[in-house]
């Protein structure tokens, strides 16, 4: 049986793995966050905790034509 506590993350764990990144085509893009799904062992679903600072943008304008 799976340990139910394996799916609980503390704020310190999330902050420790935080990464910053930006989109190369948008100079105003700035994000920082953690891939929560990977931390709890998810393999086919992505769950992310992302912060975008005030005055910044996430990525370039885009749209999705299909679901993954």
PDB file of N, CA and C in Angstrom:
ATOM      1  N   UNK A   1       0.836  -1.180   0.000  1.00  0.00           N
ATOM      2  CA  UNK A   1       0.000   0.000   0.000  1.00  0.00           C
ATOM      3  C   UNK A   1       0.883   1.246   0.000  1.00  0.00           C
ATOM      4  N   UNK A   2       0.469   2.263  -0.715  1.00  0.00           N
ATOM      5  CA  UNK A   2       1.219   3.505  -0.819  1.00  0.00           C
ATOM      6  C   UNK A   2       1.082   4.319   0.459  1.00  0.00           C
ATOM      7  N   UNK A   3       2.175   4.904   0.881  1.00  0.00           N
ATOM      8  CA  UNK A   3       2.175   5.770   2.055  1.00  0.00           C
ATOM      9  C   UNK A   3       1.462   7.078   1.704  1.00  0.00           C
ATOM     10  N   UNK A   4       0.321   7.397   2.343  1.00  0.00           N
ATOM     11  CA  UNK A   4      -0.403   8.628   1.998  1.00  0.00           C
ATOM     12  C   UNK A   4       0.407   9.889   2.273  1.00  0.00           C
ATOM     13  N   UNK A   5       1.365   9.834   3.189  1.00  0.00           N
ATOM     14  CA  UNK A   5       2.193  11.003   3.476  1.00  0.00           C
ATOM     15  C   UNK A   5       3.180  11.307   2.353  1.00  0.00           C
ATOM     16  N   UNK A   6       3.384  10.356   1.433  1.00  0.00           N
ATOM     17  CA  UNK A   6       4.292  10.587   0.306  1.00  0.00           C
ATOM     18  C   UNK A   6       3.753  11.667  -0.624  1.00  0.00           C
ATOM     19  N   UNK A   7       2.460  11.958  -0.539  1.00  0.00           N
ATOM     20  CA  UNK A   7       1.842  12.948  -1.416  1.00  0.00           C
ATOM     21  C   UNK A   7       1.674  14.308  -0.739  1.00  0.00           C
ATOM     22  N   UNK A   8       2.193  14.432   0.469  1.00  0.00           N
ATOM     23  CA  UNK A   8       2.105  15.699   1.202  1.00  0.00           C
ATOM     24  C   UNK A   8       3.467  16.379   1.133  1.00  0.00           C
ATOM     25  N   UNK A   9       3.483  17.619   0.668  1.00  0.00           N
ATOM     26  CA  UNK A   9       4.726  18.378   0.582  1.00  0.00           C
ATOM     27  C   UNK A   9       4.668  19.557   1.540  1.00  0.00           C
ATOM     28  N   UNK A  10       5.757  19.807   2.204  1.00  0.00           N
ATOM     29  CA  UNK A  10       5.862  20.971   3.084  1.00  0.00           C
ATOM     30  C   UNK A  10       6.369  22.159   2.276  1.00  0.00           C
ATOM     31  N   UNK A  11       6.045  23.350   2.728  1.00  0.00           N
ATOM     32  CA  UNK A  11       6.463  24.567   2.030  1.00  0.00           C
ATOM     33  C   UNK A  11       7.977  24.606   1.850  1.00  0.00           C
ATOM     34  N   UNK A  12       8.720  24.101   2.824  1.00  0.00           N
ATOM     35  CA  UNK A  12      10.181  24.099   2.730  1.00  0.00           C
ATOM     36  C   UNK A  12      10.661  23.202   1.586  1.00  0.00           C
ATOM     37  N   UNK A  13       9.976  22.077   1.381  1.00  0.00           N
ATOM     38  CA  UNK A  13      10.337  21.170   0.288  1.00  0.00           C
ATOM     39  C   UNK A  13      10.068  21.815  -1.069  1.00  0.00           C
ATOM     40  N   UNK A  14       8.956  22.513  -1.169  1.00  0.00           N
ATOM     41  CA  UNK A  14       8.602  23.172  -2.426  1.00  0.00           C
ATOM     42  C   UNK A  14       9.597  24.287  -2.726  1.00  0.00           C
ATOM     43  N   UNK A  15       9.927  25.089  -1.725  1.00  0.00           N
ATOM     44  CA  UNK A  15      10.856  26.205  -1.917  1.00  0.00           C
ATOM     45  C   UNK A  15      12.265  25.719  -2.249  1.00  0.00           C
ATOM     46  N   UNK A  16      12.675  24.584  -1.699  1.00  0.00           N
ATOM     47  CA  UNK A  16      14.032  24.083  -1.920  1.00  0.00           C
ATOM     48  C   UNK A  16      14.281  23.709  -3.379  1.00  0.00           C
ATOM     49  N   UNK A  17      13.255  23.274  -4.092  1.00  0.00           N
ATOM     50  CA  UNK A  17      13.413  22.853  -5.487  1.00  0.00           C
ATOM     51  C   UNK A  17      12.937  23.902  -6.484  1.00  0.00           C
ATOM     52  N   UNK A  18      12.723  25.106  -6.029  1.00  0.00           N
ATOM     53  CA  UNK A  18      12.221  26.165  -6.906  1.00  0.00           C
ATOM     54  C   UNK A  18      13.264  26.533  -7.954  1.00  0.00           C
ATOM     55  N   UNK A  19      12.805  26.696  -9.189  1.00  0.00           N
ATOM     56  CA  UNK A  19      13.669  27.095 -10.294  1.00  0.00           C
ATOM     57  C   UNK A  19      13.086  28.331 -10.951  1.00  0.00           C
ATOM     58  N   UNK A  20      13.945  29.171 -11.498  1.00  0.00           N
ATOM     59  CA  UNK A  20      13.499  30.358 -12.229  1.00  0.00           C
ATOM     60  C   UNK A  20      13.753  30.155 -13.712  1.00  0.00           C
ATOM     61  N   UNK A  21      12.851  30.661 -14.524  1.00  0.00           N
ATOM     62  CA  UNK A  21      13.031  30.552 -15.963  1.00  0.00           C
ATOM     63  C   UNK A  21      12.225  31.633 -16.663  1.00  0.00           C
ATOM     64  N   UNK A  22      12.510  31.826 -17.936  1.00  0.00           N
ATOM     65  CA  UNK A  22      11.783  32.797 -18.749  1.00  0.00           C
ATOM     66  C   UNK A  22      11.690  32.256 -20.166  1.00  0.00           C
ATOM     67  N   UNK A  23      10.784  32.826 -20.930  1.00  0.00           N
ATOM     68  CA  UNK A  23      10.627  32.397 -22.316  1.00  0.00           C
ATOM     69  C   UNK A  23      11.621  33.169 -23.178  1.00  0.00           C
ATOM     70  N   UNK A  24      12.372  32.488 -24.038  1.00  0.00           N
ATOM     71  CA  UNK A  24      13.399  33.171 -24.829  1.00  0.00           C
ATOM     72  C   UNK A  24      12.853  34.201 -25.821  1.00  0.00           C
ATOM     73  N   UNK A  25      11.575  34.114 -26.183  1.00  0.00           N
ATOM     74  CA  UNK A  25      11.008  35.062 -27.145  1.00  0.00           C
ATOM     75  C   UNK A  25      10.290  36.221 -26.477  1.00  0.00           C
ATOM     76  N   UNK A  26      10.256  36.246 -25.143  1.00  0.00           N
ATOM     77  CA  UNK A  26       9.564  37.313 -24.421  1.00  0.00           C
ATOM     78  C   UNK A  26      10.503  37.854 -23.350  1.00  0.00           C
ATOM     79  N   UNK A  27      11.063  39.027 -23.580  1.00  0.00           N
ATOM     80  CA  UNK A  27      12.020  39.599 -22.634  1.00  0.00           C
ATOM     81  C   UNK A  27      11.366  40.003 -21.313  1.00  0.00           C
ATOM     82  N   UNK A  28      10.037  40.095 -21.270  1.00  0.00           N
ATOM     83  CA  UNK A  28       9.328  40.443 -20.038  1.00  0.00           C
ATOM     84  C   UNK A  28       8.827  39.201 -19.294  1.00  0.00           C
ATOM     85  N   UNK A  29       9.219  38.033 -19.759  1.00  0.00           N
ATOM     86  CA  UNK A  29       8.806  36.776 -19.141  1.00  0.00           C
ATOM     87  C   UNK A  29       9.709  36.458 -17.949  1.00  0.00           C
ATOM     88  N   UNK A  30       9.088  36.156 -16.805  1.00  0.00           N
ATOM     89  CA  UNK A  30       9.854  35.762 -15.619  1.00  0.00           C
ATOM     90  C   UNK A  30       8.962  34.906 -14.729  1.00  0.00           C
ATOM     91  N   UNK A  31       9.377  33.676 -14.485  1.00  0.00           N
ATOM     92  CA  UNK A  31       8.617  32.754 -13.654  1.00  0.00           C
ATOM     93  C   UNK A  31       9.553  32.060 -12.685  1.00  0.00           C
ATOM     94  N   UNK A  32       9.021  31.653 -11.557  1.00  0.00           N
ATOM     95  CA  UNK A  32       9.761  30.784 -10.646  1.00  0.00           C
ATOM     96  C   UNK A  32       8.768  29.791 -10.071  1.00  0.00           C
ATOM     97  N   UNK A  33       9.212  28.556  -9.919  1.00  0.00           N
ATOM     98  CA  UNK A  33       8.278  27.561  -9.420  1.00  0.00           C
ATOM     99  C   UNK A  33       8.888  26.190  -9.243  1.00  0.00           C
ATOM    100  N   UNK A  34       8.025  25.252  -8.887  1.00  0.00           N
ATOM    101  CA  UNK A  34       8.424  23.882  -8.584  1.00  0.00           C
ATOM    102  C   UNK A  34       7.492  22.915  -9.301  1.00  0.00           C
ATOM    103  N   UNK A  35       8.046  21.831  -9.816  1.00  0.00           N
ATOM    104  CA  UNK A  35       7.251  20.783 -10.454  1.00  0.00           C
ATOM    105  C   UNK A  35       6.765  19.822  -9.370  1.00  0.00           C
ATOM    106  N   UNK A  36       5.566  20.065  -8.864  1.00  0.00           N
ATOM    107  CA  UNK A  36       5.030  19.277  -7.753  1.00  0.00           C
ATOM    108  C   UNK A  36       4.745  17.836  -8.149  1.00  0.00           C
ATOM    109  N   UNK A  37       4.258  17.632  -9.359  1.00  0.00           N
ATOM    110  CA  UNK A  37       3.932  16.282  -9.807  1.00  0.00           C
ATOM    111  C   UNK A  37       5.127  15.346  -9.748  1.00  0.00           C
ATOM    112  N   UNK A  38       6.270  15.820 -10.175  1.00  0.00           N
ATOM    113  CA  UNK A  38       7.478  14.987 -10.145  1.00  0.00           C
ATOM    114  C   UNK A  38       7.913  14.685  -8.716  1.00  0.00           C
ATOM    115  N   UNK A  39       7.724  15.657  -7.817  1.00  0.00           N
ATOM    116  CA  UNK A  39       8.142  15.457  -6.424  1.00  0.00           C
ATOM    117  C   UNK A  39       7.348  14.356  -5.733  1.00  0.00           C
ATOM    118  N   UNK A  40       6.094  14.139  -6.161  1.00  0.00           N
ATOM    119  CA  UNK A  40       5.279  13.094  -5.529  1.00  0.00           C
ATOM    120  C   UNK A  40       5.186  11.839  -6.389  1.00  0.00           C
ATOM    121  N   UNK A  41       5.949  11.796  -7.485  1.00  0.00           N
ATOM    122  CA  UNK A  41       6.032  10.580  -8.279  1.00  0.00           C
ATOM    123  C   UNK A  41       5.059  10.459  -9.436  1.00  0.00           C
ATOM    124  N   UNK A  42       4.346  11.526  -9.785  1.00  0.00           N
ATOM    125  CA  UNK A  42       3.445  11.446 -10.933  1.00  0.00           C
ATOM    126  C   UNK A  42       4.267  11.321 -12.209  1.00  0.00           C
ATOM    127  N   UNK A  43       3.825  10.479 -13.120  1.00  0.00           N
ATOM    128  CA  UNK A  43       4.569  10.264 -14.353  1.00  0.00           C
ATOM    129  C   UNK A  43       3.820  10.725 -15.597  1.00  0.00           C
ATOM    130  N   UNK A  44       2.501  10.779 -15.535  1.00  0.00           N
ATOM    131  CA  UNK A  44       1.730  11.130 -16.727  1.00  0.00           C
ATOM    132  C   UNK A  44       0.924  12.411 -16.570  1.00  0.00           C
ATOM    133  N   UNK A  45       1.040  13.052 -15.423  1.00  0.00           N
ATOM    134  CA  UNK A  45       0.307  14.286 -15.163  1.00  0.00           C
ATOM    135  C   UNK A  45       1.269  15.321 -14.606  1.00  0.00           C
ATOM    136  N   UNK A  46       1.214  16.520 -15.147  1.00  0.00           N
ATOM    137  CA  UNK A  46       2.065  17.594 -14.650  1.00  0.00           C
ATOM    138  C   UNK A  46       1.294  18.512 -13.720  1.00  0.00           C
ATOM    139  N   UNK A  47       1.849  18.751 -12.549  1.00  0.00           N
ATOM    140  CA  UNK A  47       1.276  19.690 -11.591  1.00  0.00           C
ATOM    141  C   UNK A  47       2.406  20.622 -11.184  1.00  0.00           C
ATOM    142  N   UNK A  48       2.216  21.911 -11.408  1.00  0.00           N
ATOM    143  CA  UNK A  48       3.275  22.878 -11.141  1.00  0.00           C
ATOM    144  C   UNK A  48       2.766  24.000 -10.250  1.00  0.00           C
ATOM    145  N   UNK A  49       3.645  24.509  -9.409  1.00  0.00           N
ATOM    146  CA  UNK A  49       3.366  25.693  -8.599  1.00  0.00           C
ATOM    147  C   UNK A  49       4.269  26.789  -9.144  1.00  0.00           C
ATOM    148  N   UNK A  50       3.672  27.792  -9.776  1.00  0.00           N
ATOM    149  CA  UNK A  50       4.436  28.829 -10.471  1.00  0.00           C
ATOM    150  C   UNK A  50       4.042  30.205  -9.943  1.00  0.00           C
ATOM    151  N   UNK A  51       5.035  31.072  -9.793  1.00  0.00           N
ATOM    152  CA  UNK A  51       4.793  32.471  -9.419  1.00  0.00           C
ATOM    153  C   UNK A  51       5.298  33.374 -10.536  1.00  0.00           C
ATOM    154  N   UNK A  52       4.497  34.372 -10.851  1.00  0.00           N
ATOM    155  CA  UNK A  52       4.877  35.384 -11.831  1.00  0.00           C
ATOM    156  C   UNK A  52       4.932  36.711 -11.071  1.00  0.00           C
ATOM    157  N   UNK A  53       6.111  37.345 -10.978  1.00  0.00           N
ATOM    158  CA  UNK A  53       6.221  38.603 -10.232  1.00  0.00           C
ATOM    159  C   UNK A  53       5.346  39.705 -10.841  1.00  0.00           C
ATOM    160  N   UNK A  54       4.918  40.667 -10.027  1.00  0.00           N
ATOM    161  CA  UNK A  54       4.119  41.784 -10.544  1.00  0.00           C
ATOM    162  C   UNK A  54       4.846  42.499 -11.680  1.00  0.00           C
ATOM    163  N   UNK A  55       4.109  42.804 -12.738  1.00  0.00           N
ATOM    164  CA  UNK A  55       4.676  43.509 -13.881  1.00  0.00           C
ATOM    165  C   UNK A  55       5.354  42.609 -14.895  1.00  0.00           C
ATOM    166  N   UNK A  56       5.452  41.319 -14.601  1.00  0.00           N
ATOM    167  CA  UNK A  56       6.078  40.373 -15.529  1.00  0.00           C
ATOM    168  C   UNK A  56       5.012  39.532 -16.216  1.00  0.00           C
ATOM    169  N   UNK A  57       5.419  38.758 -17.204  1.00  0.00           N
ATOM    170  CA  UNK A  57       4.507  37.907 -17.967  1.00  0.00           C
ATOM    171  C   UNK A  57       4.988  36.468 -17.897  1.00  0.00           C
ATOM    172  N   UNK A  58       4.078  35.536 -18.204  1.00  0.00           N
ATOM    173  CA  UNK A  58       4.472  34.130 -18.153  1.00  0.00           C
ATOM    174  C   UNK A  58       5.212  33.726 -19.429  1.00  0.00           C
ATOM    175  N   UNK A  59       4.543  33.691 -20.556  1.00  0.00           N
ATOM    176  CA  UNK A  59       5.155  33.277 -21.811  1.00  0.00           C
ATOM    177  C   UNK A  59       4.675  34.189 -22.929  1.00  0.00           C
ATOM    178  N   UNK A  60       4.972  33.812 -24.153  1.00  0.00           N
ATOM    179  CA  UNK A  60       4.445  34.547 -25.293  1.00  0.00           C
ATOM    180  C   UNK A  60       2.995  34.133 -25.504  1.00  0.00           C
ATOM    181  N   UNK A  61       2.233  34.963 -26.185  1.00  0.00           N
ATOM    182  CA  UNK A  61       0.854  34.618 -26.496  1.00  0.00           C
ATOM    183  C   UNK A  61       0.851  33.361 -27.353  1.00  0.00           C
ATOM    184  N   UNK A  62       0.017  32.391 -26.991  1.00  0.00           N
ATOM    185  CA  UNK A  62      -0.069  31.151 -27.752  1.00  0.00           C
ATOM    186  C   UNK A  62      -1.427  30.502 -27.507  1.00  0.00           C
ATOM    187  N   UNK A  63      -1.717  29.469 -28.258  1.00  0.00           N
ATOM    188  CA  UNK A  63      -2.954  28.718 -28.065  1.00  0.00           C
ATOM    189  C   UNK A  63      -2.665  27.235 -28.239  1.00  0.00           C
ATOM    190  N   UNK A  64      -3.549  26.416 -27.699  1.00  0.00           N
ATOM    191  CA  UNK A  64      -3.411  24.966 -27.799  1.00  0.00           C
ATOM    192  C   UNK A  64      -4.477  24.439 -28.747  1.00  0.00           C
ATOM    193  N   UNK A  65      -4.089  23.541 -29.621  1.00  0.00           N
ATOM    194  CA  UNK A  65      -5.016  22.988 -30.605  1.00  0.00           C
ATOM    195  C   UNK A  65      -5.496  21.590 -30.241  1.00  0.00           C
ATOM    196  N   UNK A  66      -4.870  20.983 -29.236  1.00  0.00           N
ATOM    197  CA  UNK A  66      -5.269  19.641 -28.807  1.00  0.00           C
ATOM    198  C   UNK A  66      -4.840  19.445 -27.362  1.00  0.00           C
ATOM    199  N   UNK A  67      -5.479  18.520 -26.692  1.00  0.00           N
ATOM    200  CA  UNK A  67      -5.090  18.186 -25.324  1.00  0.00           C
ATOM    201  C   UNK A  67      -4.028  17.108 -25.348  1.00  0.00           C
ATOM    202  N   UNK A  68      -3.149  17.141 -24.368  1.00  0.00           N
ATOM    203  CA  UNK A  68      -2.109  16.111 -24.260  1.00  0.00           C
ATOM    204  C   UNK A  68      -2.687  14.840 -23.698  1.00  0.00           C
TER     205      UNK A  68
END
